[in-house]
Amino acid sequence: MTHISEKSRKADVKMRLAEFEMPPMQDVLIVGKAAPIGPEAARRMVDILSPDQYVIEKVEHEVIEAVIIRKAVLNMIQRDKLVALILEEGEKIANDKMIIKVQVQITLEVHKSVEL
């Protein structure tokens, strides 16, 4: 009989932040409160190129109105943890007029020990 005596899970998250440009196909868009286009217009724009692949996460923040996240990324990490990471790094460079594209790479690492 196999017994699992110890297990751990962790996720290493790597993000790249850059100013928004066309085409907008990235993992995340950070939308400032006074950006040229709002979160709904940005979502519609990405839906044209990649239908139903993104969700809007409205946030309470001084300069950031919302983050638009590719659904596939949310399958790998909890929404609240990802949004917190994006805001933590995004607020360092964002202002209320910007749209910032974010490339997110997530590597999951799982370690389990089994009793022999």
PDB file of N, CA and C in Angstrom:
ATOM      1  N   MET A   1       0.842  -1.178   0.000  1.00  0.00           N
ATOM      2  CA  MET A   1       0.000   0.000   0.000  1.00  0.00           C
ATOM      3  C   MET A   1       0.893   1.249   0.000  1.00  0.00           C
ATOM      4  N   THR A   2       0.571   2.215  -0.828  1.00  0.00           N
ATOM      5  CA  THR A   2       1.343   3.433  -0.938  1.00  0.00           C
ATOM      6  C   THR A   2       0.708   4.520  -0.088  1.00  0.00           C
ATOM      7  N   HIS A   3       1.510   5.175   0.730  1.00  0.00           N
ATOM      8  CA  HIS A   3       1.034   6.288   1.552  1.00  0.00           C
ATOM      9  C   HIS A   3       1.770   7.552   1.136  1.00  0.00           C
ATOM     10  N   ILE A   4       1.033   8.597   0.998  1.00  0.00           N
ATOM     11  CA  ILE A   4       1.653   9.888   0.722  1.00  0.00           C
ATOM     12  C   ILE A   4       1.928  10.534   2.072  1.00  0.00           C
ATOM     13  N   SER A   5       3.216  10.718   2.394  1.00  0.00           N
ATOM     14  CA  SER A   5       3.552  11.240   3.706  1.00  0.00           C
ATOM     15  C   SER A   5       3.806  12.737   3.695  1.00  0.00           C
ATOM     16  N   GLU A   6       4.149  13.274   2.534  1.00  0.00           N
ATOM     17  CA  GLU A   6       4.461  14.697   2.470  1.00  0.00           C
ATOM     18  C   GLU A   6       4.147  15.194   1.069  1.00  0.00           C
ATOM     19  N   LYS A   7       3.573  16.355   0.975  1.00  0.00           N
ATOM     20  CA  LYS A   7       3.360  16.925  -0.346  1.00  0.00           C
ATOM     21  C   LYS A   7       3.423  18.438  -0.240  1.00  0.00           C
ATOM     22  N   SER A   8       3.876  19.031  -1.311  1.00  0.00           N
ATOM     23  CA  SER A   8       3.913  20.491  -1.353  1.00  0.00           C
ATOM     24  C   SER A   8       3.673  20.934  -2.777  1.00  0.00           C
ATOM     25  N   ARG A   9       3.112  22.116  -2.916  1.00  0.00           N
ATOM     26  CA  ARG A   9       2.876  22.703  -4.228  1.00  0.00           C
ATOM     27  C   ARG A   9       3.308  24.153  -4.164  1.00  0.00           C
ATOM     28  N   LYS A  10       3.915  24.617  -5.226  1.00  0.00           N
ATOM     29  CA  LYS A  10       4.225  26.030  -5.304  1.00  0.00           C
ATOM     30  C   LYS A  10       4.177  26.443  -6.762  1.00  0.00           C
ATOM     31  N   ALA A  11       3.997  27.713  -6.980  1.00  0.00           N
ATOM     32  CA  ALA A  11       3.960  28.252  -8.335  1.00  0.00           C
ATOM     33  C   ALA A  11       4.988  29.364  -8.436  1.00  0.00           C
ATOM     34  N   ASP A  12       5.857  29.290  -9.435  1.00  0.00           N
ATOM     35  CA  ASP A  12       6.764  30.383  -9.740  1.00  0.00           C
ATOM     36  C   ASP A  12       6.095  31.228 -10.806  1.00  0.00           C
ATOM     37  N   VAL A  13       5.991  32.505 -10.572  1.00  0.00           N
ATOM     38  CA  VAL A  13       5.303  33.399 -11.493  1.00  0.00           C
ATOM     39  C   VAL A  13       6.318  34.386 -12.052  1.00  0.00           C
ATOM     40  N   LYS A  14       6.366  34.483 -13.370  1.00  0.00           N
ATOM     41  CA  LYS A  14       7.236  35.441 -14.044  1.00  0.00           C
ATOM     42  C   LYS A  14       6.339  36.354 -14.866  1.00  0.00           C
ATOM     43  N   MET A  15       6.508  37.664 -14.721  1.00  0.00           N
ATOM     44  CA  MET A  15       5.681  38.619 -15.452  1.00  0.00           C
ATOM     45  C   MET A  15       6.577  39.566 -16.233  1.00  0.00           C
ATOM     46  N   ARG A  16       6.091  39.968 -17.419  1.00  0.00           N
ATOM     47  CA  ARG A  16       6.716  41.018 -18.200  1.00  0.00           C
ATOM     48  C   ARG A  16       5.683  42.111 -18.385  1.00  0.00           C
ATOM     49  N   LEU A  17       6.056  43.326 -18.075  1.00  0.00           N
ATOM     50  CA  LEU A  17       5.152  44.455 -18.211  1.00  0.00           C
ATOM     51  C   LEU A  17       5.733  45.410 -19.245  1.00  0.00           C
ATOM     52  N   ALA A  18       4.879  45.867 -20.150  1.00  0.00           N
ATOM     53  CA  ALA A  18       5.289  46.811 -21.183  1.00  0.00           C
ATOM     54  C   ALA A  18       4.089  47.640 -21.585  1.00  0.00           C
ATOM     55  N   GLU A  19       4.349  48.797 -22.193  1.00  0.00           N
ATOM     56  CA  GLU A  19       3.240  49.635 -22.621  1.00  0.00           C
ATOM     57  C   GLU A  19       2.455  48.932 -23.723  1.00  0.00           C
ATOM     58  N   PHE A  20       1.155  49.105 -23.709  1.00  0.00           N
ATOM     59  CA  PHE A  20       0.238  48.477 -24.656  1.00  0.00           C
ATOM     60  C   PHE A  20       0.528  48.917 -26.085  1.00  0.00           C
ATOM     61  N   GLU A  21       0.483  47.977 -27.005  1.00  0.00           N
ATOM     62  CA  GLU A  21       0.638  48.277 -28.427  1.00  0.00           C
ATOM     63  C   GLU A  21      -0.166  47.264 -29.219  1.00  0.00           C
ATOM     64  N   MET A  22      -0.346  47.505 -30.496  1.00  0.00           N
ATOM     65  CA  MET A  22      -1.106  46.581 -31.344  1.00  0.00           C
ATOM     66  C   MET A  22      -0.159  45.548 -31.931  1.00  0.00           C
ATOM     67  N   PRO A  23      -0.561  44.297 -32.102  1.00  0.00           N
ATOM     68  CA  PRO A  23      -1.828  43.733 -31.627  1.00  0.00           C
ATOM     69  C   PRO A  23      -1.787  43.509 -30.118  1.00  0.00           C
ATOM     70  N   PRO A  24      -2.942  43.510 -29.478  1.00  0.00           N
ATOM     71  CA  PRO A  24      -2.993  43.465 -28.015  1.00  0.00           C
ATOM     72  C   PRO A  24      -2.964  42.060 -27.421  1.00  0.00           C
ATOM     73  N   MET A  25      -2.586  41.086 -28.164  1.00  0.00           N
ATOM     74  CA  MET A  25      -2.692  39.716 -27.688  1.00  0.00           C
ATOM     75  C   MET A  25      -1.602  39.388 -26.669  1.00  0.00           C
ATOM     76  N   GLN A  26      -1.928  39.547 -25.423  1.00  0.00           N
ATOM     77  CA  GLN A  26      -1.060  39.199 -24.305  1.00  0.00           C
ATOM     78  C   GLN A  26      -1.909  38.454 -23.286  1.00  0.00           C
ATOM     79  N   ASP A  27      -1.280  38.086 -22.194  1.00  0.00           N
ATOM     80  CA  ASP A  27      -1.998  37.355 -21.157  1.00  0.00           C
ATOM     81  C   ASP A  27      -2.896  38.263 -20.323  1.00  0.00           C
ATOM     82  N   VAL A  28      -2.429  39.506 -20.084  1.00  0.00           N
ATOM     83  CA  VAL A  28      -3.152  40.440 -19.224  1.00  0.00           C
ATOM     84  C   VAL A  28      -3.010  41.849 -19.786  1.00  0.00           C
ATOM     85  N   LEU A  29      -4.063  42.643 -19.668  1.00  0.00           N
ATOM     86  CA  LEU A  29      -3.996  44.079 -19.927  1.00  0.00           C
ATOM     87  C   LEU A  29      -4.371  44.788 -18.634  1.00  0.00           C
ATOM     88  N   ILE A  30      -3.557  45.779 -18.250  1.00  0.00           N
ATOM     89  CA  ILE A  30      -3.870  46.634 -17.105  1.00  0.00           C
ATOM     90  C   ILE A  30      -4.430  47.927 -17.685  1.00  0.00           C
ATOM     91  N   VAL A  31      -5.630  48.297 -17.285  1.00  0.00           N
ATOM     92  CA  VAL A  31      -6.300  49.465 -17.847  1.00  0.00           C
ATOM     93  C   VAL A  31      -6.391  50.558 -16.787  1.00  0.00           C
ATOM     94  N   GLY A  32      -5.780  51.709 -17.077  1.00  0.00           N
ATOM     95  CA  GLY A  32      -5.839  52.848 -16.178  1.00  0.00           C
ATOM     96  C   GLY A  32      -7.210  53.498 -16.186  1.00  0.00           C
ATOM     97  N   LYS A  33      -7.513  54.233 -15.127  1.00  0.00           N
ATOM     98  CA  LYS A  33      -8.836  54.852 -14.991  1.00  0.00           C
ATOM     99  C   LYS A  33      -9.129  55.889 -16.058  1.00  0.00           C
ATOM    100  N   ALA A  34      -8.095  56.544 -16.609  1.00  0.00           N
ATOM    101  CA  ALA A  34      -8.300  57.558 -17.650  1.00  0.00           C
ATOM    102  C   ALA A  34      -7.667  57.118 -18.971  1.00  0.00           C
ATOM    103  N   ALA A  35      -7.569  55.806 -19.187  1.00  0.00           N
ATOM    104  CA  ALA A  35      -6.975  55.267 -20.411  1.00  0.00           C
ATOM    105  C   ALA A  35      -7.839  55.652 -21.618  1.00  0.00           C
ATOM    106  N   PRO A  36      -7.226  55.718 -22.816  1.00  0.00           N
ATOM    107  CA  PRO A  36      -7.984  56.089 -24.018  1.00  0.00           C
ATOM    108  C   PRO A  36      -9.190  55.191 -24.294  1.00  0.00           C
ATOM    109  N   ILE A  37      -9.080  53.926 -23.895  1.00  0.00           N
ATOM    110  CA  ILE A  37     -10.230  53.029 -23.998  1.00  0.00           C
ATOM    111  C   ILE A  37     -10.446  52.386 -22.637  1.00  0.00           C
ATOM    112  N   GLY A  38     -11.696  52.139 -22.304  1.00  0.00           N
ATOM    113  CA  GLY A  38     -12.022  51.534 -21.021  1.00  0.00           C
ATOM    114  C   GLY A  38     -11.914  50.018 -21.075  1.00  0.00           C
ATOM    115  N   PRO A  39     -12.157  49.374 -19.953  1.00  0.00           N
ATOM    116  CA  PRO A  39     -12.013  47.913 -19.895  1.00  0.00           C
ATOM    117  C   PRO A  39     -12.973  47.160 -20.814  1.00  0.00           C
ATOM    118  N   GLU A  40     -14.213  47.632 -20.942  1.00  0.00           N
ATOM    119  CA  GLU A  40     -15.171  46.944 -21.828  1.00  0.00           C
ATOM    120  C   GLU A  40     -14.745  47.055 -23.283  1.00  0.00           C
ATOM    121  N   ALA A  41     -14.311  48.238 -23.700  1.00  0.00           N
ATOM    122  CA  ALA A  41     -13.843  48.413 -25.081  1.00  0.00           C
ATOM    123  C   ALA A  41     -12.593  47.585 -25.336  1.00  0.00           C
ATOM    124  N   ALA A  42     -11.694  47.515 -24.358  1.00  0.00           N
ATOM    125  CA  ALA A  42     -10.479  46.703 -24.505  1.00  0.00           C
ATOM    126  C   ALA A  42     -10.841  45.221 -24.627  1.00  0.00           C
ATOM    127  N   ARG A  43     -11.803  44.772 -23.813  1.00  0.00           N
ATOM    128  CA  ARG A  43     -12.223  43.367 -23.894  1.00  0.00           C
ATOM    129  C   ARG A  43     -12.830  43.074 -25.260  1.00  0.00           C
ATOM    130  N   ARG A  44     -13.678  43.981 -25.762  1.00  0.00           N
ATOM    131  CA  ARG A  44     -14.278  43.768 -27.085  1.00  0.00           C
ATOM    132  C   ARG A  44     -13.195  43.712 -28.159  1.00  0.00           C
ATOM    133  N   MET A  45     -12.179  44.544 -28.003  1.00  0.00           N
ATOM    134  CA  MET A  45     -11.078  44.562 -28.964  1.00  0.00           C
ATOM    135  C   MET A  45     -10.349  43.210 -28.976  1.00  0.00           C
ATOM    136  N   VAL A  46     -10.022  42.678 -27.795  1.00  0.00           N
ATOM    137  CA  VAL A  46      -9.328  41.389 -27.774  1.00  0.00           C
ATOM    138  C   VAL A  46     -10.261  40.256 -28.179  1.00  0.00           C
ATOM    139  N   ASP A  47     -11.570  40.400 -27.921  1.00  0.00           N
ATOM    140  CA  ASP A  47     -12.525  39.371 -28.342  1.00  0.00           C
ATOM    141  C   ASP A  47     -12.615  39.255 -29.859  1.00  0.00           C
ATOM    142  N   ILE A  48     -12.357  40.345 -30.562  1.00  0.00           N
ATOM    143  CA  ILE A  48     -12.367  40.286 -32.029  1.00  0.00           C
ATOM    144  C   ILE A  48     -11.277  39.330 -32.517  1.00  0.00           C
ATOM    145  N   LEU A  49     -10.111  39.408 -31.896  1.00  0.00           N
ATOM    146  CA  LEU A  49      -8.984  38.561 -32.303  1.00  0.00           C
ATOM    147  C   LEU A  49      -9.008  37.189 -31.628  1.00  0.00           C
ATOM    148  N   SER A  50      -9.580  37.117 -30.451  1.00  0.00           N
ATOM    149  CA  SER A  50      -9.584  35.870 -29.686  1.00  0.00           C
ATOM    150  C   SER A  50     -10.878  35.779 -28.877  1.00  0.00           C
ATOM    151  N   PRO A  51     -11.974  35.364 -29.537  1.00  0.00           N
ATOM    152  CA  PRO A  51     -13.295  35.398 -28.890  1.00  0.00           C
ATOM    153  C   PRO A  51     -13.386  34.592 -27.594  1.00  0.00           C
ATOM    154  N   ASP A  52     -13.999  35.210 -26.592  1.00  0.00           N
ATOM    155  CA  ASP A  52     -14.330  34.568 -25.316  1.00  0.00           C
ATOM    156  C   ASP A  52     -13.119  33.970 -24.597  1.00  0.00           C
ATOM    157  N   GLN A  53     -11.958  34.586 -24.755  1.00  0.00           N
ATOM    158  CA  GLN A  53     -10.752  34.072 -24.108  1.00  0.00           C
ATOM    159  C   GLN A  53     -10.296  34.914 -22.919  1.00  0.00           C
ATOM    160  N   TYR A  54     -10.964  36.043 -22.668  1.00  0.00           N
ATOM    161  CA  TYR A  54     -10.542  36.970 -21.620  1.00  0.00           C
ATOM    162  C   TYR A  54     -11.691  37.295 -20.683  1.00  0.00           C
ATOM    163  N   VAL A  55     -11.345  37.628 -19.435  1.00  0.00           N
ATOM    164  CA  VAL A  55     -12.327  38.099 -18.458  1.00  0.00           C
ATOM    165  C   VAL A  55     -11.862  39.447 -17.909  1.00  0.00           C
ATOM    166  N   ILE A  56     -12.816  40.274 -17.538  1.00  0.00           N
ATOM    167  CA  ILE A  56     -12.505  41.571 -16.939  1.00  0.00           C
ATOM    168  C   ILE A  56     -12.581  41.441 -15.428  1.00  0.00           C
ATOM    169  N   GLU A  57     -11.553  41.907 -14.761  1.00  0.00           N
ATOM    170  CA  GLU A  57     -11.537  41.940 -13.304  1.00  0.00           C
ATOM    171  C   GLU A  57     -11.447  43.413 -12.892  1.00  0.00           C
ATOM    172  N   LYS A  58     -12.571  43.988 -12.483  1.00  0.00           N
ATOM    173  CA  LYS A  58     -12.566  45.383 -12.009  1.00  0.00           C
ATOM    174  C   LYS A  58     -11.897  45.408 -10.644  1.00  0.00           C
ATOM    175  N   VAL A  59     -11.095  46.444 -10.394  1.00  0.00           N
ATOM    176  CA  VAL A  59     -10.341  46.506  -9.144  1.00  0.00           C
ATOM    177  C   VAL A  59     -10.554  47.855  -8.467  1.00  0.00           C
ATOM    178  N   GLU A  60     -10.377  47.865  -7.168  1.00  0.00           N
ATOM    179  CA  GLU A  60     -10.399  49.100  -6.376  1.00  0.00           C
ATOM    180  C   GLU A  60      -8.950  49.550  -6.247  1.00  0.00           C
ATOM    181  N   HIS A  61      -8.574  50.583  -6.989  1.00  0.00           N
ATOM    182  CA  HIS A  61      -7.194  51.053  -7.009  1.00  0.00           C
ATOM    183  C   HIS A  61      -7.191  52.530  -7.374  1.00  0.00           C
ATOM    184  N   GLU A  62      -6.161  53.249  -6.951  1.00  0.00           N
ATOM    185  CA  GLU A  62      -6.070  54.687  -7.218  1.00  0.00           C
ATOM    186  C   GLU A  62      -6.026  55.012  -8.703  1.00  0.00           C
ATOM    187  N   VAL A  63      -5.213  54.280  -9.476  1.00  0.00           N
ATOM    188  CA  VAL A  63      -5.038  54.619 -10.895  1.00  0.00           C
ATOM    189  C   VAL A  63      -5.481  53.519 -11.857  1.00  0.00           C
ATOM    190  N   ILE A  64      -5.618  52.303 -11.381  1.00  0.00           N
ATOM    191  CA  ILE A  64      -5.981  51.162 -12.238  1.00  0.00           C
ATOM    192  C   ILE A  64      -7.471  50.872 -12.094  1.00  0.00           C
ATOM    193  N   GLU A  65      -8.161  50.828 -13.242  1.00  0.00           N
ATOM    194  CA  GLU A  65      -9.598  50.548 -13.222  1.00  0.00           C
ATOM    195  C   GLU A  65      -9.889  49.053 -13.284  1.00  0.00           C
ATOM    196  N   ALA A  66      -9.118  48.336 -14.117  1.00  0.00           N
ATOM    197  CA  ALA A  66      -9.407  46.914 -14.313  1.00  0.00           C
ATOM    198  C   ALA A  66      -8.198  46.206 -14.891  1.00  0.00           C
ATOM    199  N   VAL A  67      -8.211  44.880 -14.759  1.00  0.00           N
ATOM    200  CA  VAL A  67      -7.258  44.036 -15.465  1.00  0.00           C
ATOM    201  C   VAL A  67      -8.068  43.061 -16.304  1.00  0.00           C
ATOM    202  N   ILE A  68      -7.621  42.843 -17.519  1.00  0.00           N
ATOM    203  CA  ILE A  68      -8.274  41.898 -18.423  1.00  0.00           C
ATOM    204  C   ILE A  68      -7.335  40.702 -18.518  1.00  0.00           C
ATOM    205  N   ILE A  69      -7.833  39.538 -18.127  1.00  0.00           N
ATOM    206  CA  ILE A  69      -6.984  38.357 -17.961  1.00  0.00           C
ATOM    207  C   ILE A  69      -7.418  37.260 -18.918  1.00  0.00           C
ATOM    208  N   ARG A  70      -6.436  36.638 -19.568  1.00  0.00           N
ATOM    209  CA  ARG A  70      -6.714  35.497 -20.433  1.00  0.00           C
ATOM    210  C   ARG A  70      -7.167  34.333 -19.542  1.00  0.00           C
ATOM    211  N   LYS A  71      -8.284  33.718 -19.891  1.00  0.00           N
ATOM    212  CA  LYS A  71      -8.888  32.667 -19.070  1.00  0.00           C
ATOM    213  C   LYS A  71      -7.939  31.502 -18.811  1.00  0.00           C
ATOM    214  N   ALA A  72      -7.113  31.157 -19.773  1.00  0.00           N
ATOM    215  CA  ALA A  72      -6.192  30.028 -19.609  1.00  0.00           C
ATOM    216  C   ALA A  72      -5.226  30.256 -18.449  1.00  0.00           C
ATOM    217  N   VAL A  73      -4.843  31.503 -18.212  1.00  0.00           N
ATOM    218  CA  VAL A  73      -3.951  31.814 -17.099  1.00  0.00           C
ATOM    219  C   VAL A  73      -4.650  31.543 -15.771  1.00  0.00           C
ATOM    220  N   LEU A  74      -5.946  31.837 -15.723  1.00  0.00           N
ATOM    221  CA  LEU A  74      -6.703  31.632 -14.488  1.00  0.00           C
ATOM    222  C   LEU A  74      -6.908  30.154 -14.162  1.00  0.00           C
ATOM    223  N   ASN A  75      -6.674  29.280 -15.124  1.00  0.00           N
ATOM    224  CA  ASN A  75      -6.754  27.848 -14.844  1.00  0.00           C
ATOM    225  C   ASN A  75      -5.544  27.359 -14.056  1.00  0.00           C
ATOM    226  N   MET A  76      -4.496  28.181 -14.013  1.00  0.00           N
ATOM    227  CA  MET A  76      -3.249  27.753 -13.381  1.00  0.00           C
ATOM    228  C   MET A  76      -3.003  28.382 -12.012  1.00  0.00           C
ATOM    229  N   ILE A  77      -3.618  29.518 -11.737  1.00  0.00           N
ATOM    230  CA  ILE A  77      -3.375  30.209 -10.472  1.00  0.00           C
ATOM    231  C   ILE A  77      -4.674  30.892 -10.044  1.00  0.00           C
ATOM    232  N   GLN A  78      -4.891  30.968  -8.753  1.00  0.00           N
ATOM    233  CA  GLN A  78      -6.130  31.560  -8.232  1.00  0.00           C
ATOM    234  C   GLN A  78      -6.241  33.023  -8.648  1.00  0.00           C
ATOM    235  N   ARG A  79      -7.439  33.397  -9.026  1.00  0.00           N
ATOM    236  CA  ARG A  79      -7.711  34.744  -9.536  1.00  0.00           C
ATOM    237  C   ARG A  79      -7.234  35.830  -8.574  1.00  0.00           C
ATOM    238  N   ASP A  80      -7.592  35.720  -7.279  1.00  0.00           N
ATOM    239  CA  ASP A  80      -7.232  36.779  -6.333  1.00  0.00           C
ATOM    240  C   ASP A  80      -5.724  36.905  -6.157  1.00  0.00           C
ATOM    241  N   LYS A  81      -5.000  35.793  -6.181  1.00  0.00           N
ATOM    242  CA  LYS A  81      -3.543  35.842  -6.051  1.00  0.00           C
ATOM    243  C   LYS A  81      -2.909  36.450  -7.294  1.00  0.00           C
ATOM    244  N   LEU A  82      -3.419  36.100  -8.460  1.00  0.00           N
ATOM    245  CA  LEU A  82      -2.878  36.650  -9.703  1.00  0.00           C
ATOM    246  C   LEU A  82      -3.140  38.151  -9.794  1.00  0.00           C
ATOM    247  N   VAL A  83      -4.354  38.568  -9.489  1.00  0.00           N
ATOM    248  CA  VAL A  83      -4.689  39.993  -9.545  1.00  0.00           C
ATOM    249  C   VAL A  83      -3.817  40.777  -8.566  1.00  0.00           C
ATOM    250  N   ALA A  84      -3.614  40.239  -7.372  1.00  0.00           N
ATOM    251  CA  ALA A  84      -2.764  40.917  -6.382  1.00  0.00           C
ATOM    252  C   ALA A  84      -1.334  41.081  -6.906  1.00  0.00           C
ATOM    253  N   LEU A  85      -0.790  40.037  -7.533  1.00  0.00           N
ATOM    254  CA  LEU A  85       0.559  40.118  -8.105  1.00  0.00           C
ATOM    255  C   LEU A  85       0.626  41.147  -9.234  1.00  0.00           C
ATOM    256  N   ILE A  86      -0.373  41.143 -10.094  1.00  0.00           N
ATOM    257  CA  ILE A  86      -0.408  42.082 -11.219  1.00  0.00           C
ATOM    258  C   ILE A  86      -0.482  43.516 -10.708  1.00  0.00           C
ATOM    259  N   LEU A  87      -1.337  43.767  -9.724  1.00  0.00           N
ATOM    260  CA  LEU A  87      -1.462  45.117  -9.180  1.00  0.00           C
ATOM    261  C   LEU A  87      -0.191  45.550  -8.466  1.00  0.00           C
ATOM    262  N   GLU A  88       0.415  44.639  -7.728  1.00  0.00           N
ATOM    263  CA  GLU A  88       1.642  44.960  -6.988  1.00  0.00           C
ATOM    264  C   GLU A  88       2.749  45.437  -7.931  1.00  0.00           C
ATOM    265  N   GLU A  89       2.919  44.755  -9.036  1.00  0.00           N
ATOM    266  CA  GLU A  89       3.972  45.132  -9.989  1.00  0.00           C
ATOM    267  C   GLU A  89       3.499  46.223 -10.939  1.00  0.00           C
ATOM    268  N   GLY A  90       2.253  46.147 -11.374  1.00  0.00           N
ATOM    269  CA  GLY A  90       1.733  47.114 -12.328  1.00  0.00           C
ATOM    270  C   GLY A  90       1.675  48.526 -11.786  1.00  0.00           C
ATOM    271  N   GLU A  91       1.340  48.670 -10.504  1.00  0.00           N
ATOM    272  CA  GLU A  91       1.223  50.013  -9.938  1.00  0.00           C
ATOM    273  C   GLU A  91       2.560  50.733  -9.856  1.00  0.00           C
ATOM    274  N   LYS A  92       3.653  50.001  -9.967  1.00  0.00           N
ATOM    275  CA  LYS A  92       4.982  50.613  -9.927  1.00  0.00           C
ATOM    276  C   LYS A  92       5.271  51.414 -11.193  1.00  0.00           C
ATOM    277  N   ILE A  93       4.620  51.057 -12.292  1.00  0.00           N
ATOM    278  CA  ILE A  93       4.894  51.757 -13.555  1.00  0.00           C
ATOM    279  C   ILE A  93       3.654  52.389 -14.169  1.00  0.00           C
ATOM    280  N   ALA A  94       2.489  52.003 -13.714  1.00  0.00           N
ATOM    281  CA  ALA A  94       1.247  52.470 -14.348  1.00  0.00           C
ATOM    282  C   ALA A  94       0.874  53.870 -13.895  1.00  0.00           C
ATOM    283  N   ASN A  95       0.216  54.586 -14.802  1.00  0.00           N
ATOM    284  CA  ASN A  95      -0.494  55.793 -14.403  1.00  0.00           C
ATOM    285  C   ASN A  95      -1.913  55.651 -14.928  1.00  0.00           C
ATOM    286  N   ASP A  96      -2.779  56.590 -14.599  1.00  0.00           N
ATOM    287  CA  ASP A  96      -4.198  56.423 -14.918  1.00  0.00           C
ATOM    288  C   ASP A  96      -4.520  56.505 -16.402  1.00  0.00           C
ATOM    289  N   LYS A  97      -3.572  56.947 -17.239  1.00  0.00           N
ATOM    290  CA  LYS A  97      -3.822  57.077 -18.677  1.00  0.00           C
ATOM    291  C   LYS A  97      -3.289  55.893 -19.484  1.00  0.00           C
ATOM    292  N   MET A  98      -2.644  54.952 -18.843  1.00  0.00           N
ATOM    293  CA  MET A  98      -1.962  53.867 -19.548  1.00  0.00           C
ATOM    294  C   MET A  98      -2.805  52.612 -19.696  1.00  0.00           C
ATOM    295  N   ILE A  99      -2.494  51.869 -20.741  1.00  0.00           N
ATOM    296  CA  ILE A  99      -2.914  50.478 -20.880  1.00  0.00           C
ATOM    297  C   ILE A  99      -1.614  49.698 -20.990  1.00  0.00           C
ATOM    298  N   ILE A 100      -1.407  48.776 -20.092  1.00  0.00           N
ATOM    299  CA  ILE A 100      -0.148  48.033 -20.044  1.00  0.00           C
ATOM    300  C   ILE A 100      -0.429  46.577 -20.364  1.00  0.00           C
ATOM    301  N   LYS A 101       0.355  46.037 -21.286  1.00  0.00           N
ATOM    302  CA  LYS A 101       0.230  44.606 -21.570  1.00  0.00           C
ATOM    303  C   LYS A 101       1.179  43.852 -20.648  1.00  0.00           C
ATOM    304  N   VAL A 102       0.737  42.695 -20.206  1.00  0.00           N
ATOM    305  CA  VAL A 102       1.521  41.884 -19.282  1.00  0.00           C
ATOM    306  C   VAL A 102       1.608  40.469 -19.839  1.00  0.00           C
ATOM    307  N   GLN A 103       2.813  39.990 -19.969  1.00  0.00           N
ATOM    308  CA  GLN A 103       3.027  38.592 -20.348  1.00  0.00           C
ATOM    309  C   GLN A 103       3.289  37.822 -19.059  1.00  0.00           C
ATOM    310  N   VAL A 104       2.529  36.783 -18.832  1.00  0.00           N
ATOM    311  CA  VAL A 104       2.642  35.991 -17.607  1.00  0.00           C
ATOM    312  C   VAL A 104       3.082  34.581 -17.972  1.00  0.00           C
ATOM    313  N   GLN A 105       4.142  34.128 -17.330  1.00  0.00           N
ATOM    314  CA  GLN A 105       4.578  32.739 -17.483  1.00  0.00           C
ATOM    315  C   GLN A 105       4.481  32.092 -16.111  1.00  0.00           C
ATOM    316  N   ILE A 106       3.764  31.000 -16.041  1.00  0.00           N
ATOM    317  CA  ILE A 106       3.580  30.303 -14.779  1.00  0.00           C
ATOM    318  C   ILE A 106       4.157  28.904 -14.917  1.00  0.00           C
ATOM    319  N   THR A 107       5.020  28.547 -13.985  1.00  0.00           N
ATOM    320  CA  THR A 107       5.579  27.203 -13.937  1.00  0.00           C
ATOM    321  C   THR A 107       5.121  26.576 -12.628  1.00  0.00           C
ATOM    322  N   LEU A 108       4.351  25.518 -12.726  1.00  0.00           N
ATOM    323  CA  LEU A 108       3.899  24.816 -11.524  1.00  0.00           C
ATOM    324  C   LEU A 108       4.916  23.750 -11.161  1.00  0.00           C
ATOM    325  N   GLU A 109       5.203  23.671  -9.874  1.00  0.00           N
ATOM    326  CA  GLU A 109       6.122  22.665  -9.384  1.00  0.00           C
ATOM    327  C   GLU A 109       5.414  21.881  -8.294  1.00  0.00           C
ATOM    328  N   VAL A 110       5.399  20.574  -8.423  1.00  0.00           N
ATOM    329  CA  VAL A 110       4.739  19.711  -7.450  1.00  0.00           C
ATOM    330  C   VAL A 110       5.768  18.724  -6.928  1.00  0.00           C
ATOM    331  N   HIS A 111       5.827  18.588  -5.613  1.00  0.00           N
ATOM    332  CA  HIS A 111       6.737  17.636  -4.990  1.00  0.00           C
ATOM    333  C   HIS A 111       5.938  16.779  -4.029  1.00  0.00           C
ATOM    334  N   LYS A 112       6.065  15.489  -4.173  1.00  0.00           N
ATOM    335  CA  LYS A 112       5.382  14.563  -3.263  1.00  0.00           C
ATOM    336  C   LYS A 112       6.357  13.488  -2.854  1.00  0.00           C
ATOM    337  N   SER A 113       6.278  13.099  -1.605  1.00  0.00           N
ATOM    338  CA  SER A 113       7.069  11.966  -1.109  1.00  0.00           C
ATOM    339  C   SER A 113       6.107  10.820  -0.813  1.00  0.00           C
ATOM    340  N   VAL A 114       6.521   9.630  -1.178  1.00  0.00           N
ATOM    341  CA  VAL A 114       5.688   8.461  -0.905  1.00  0.00           C
ATOM    342  C   VAL A 114       6.450   7.507   0.002  1.00  0.00           C
ATOM    343  N   GLU A 115       5.720   6.872   0.844  1.00  0.00           N
ATOM    344  CA  GLU A 115       6.318   5.901   1.748  1.00  0.00           C
ATOM    345  C   GLU A 115       6.503   4.587   1.017  1.00  0.00           C
ATOM    346  N   LEU A 116       7.674   3.998   1.110  1.00  0.00           N
ATOM    347  CA  LEU A 116       7.955   2.733   0.410  1.00  0.00           C
ATOM    348  C   LEU A 116       7.801   1.553   1.328  1.00  0.00           C
TER     349      LEU A 116
END
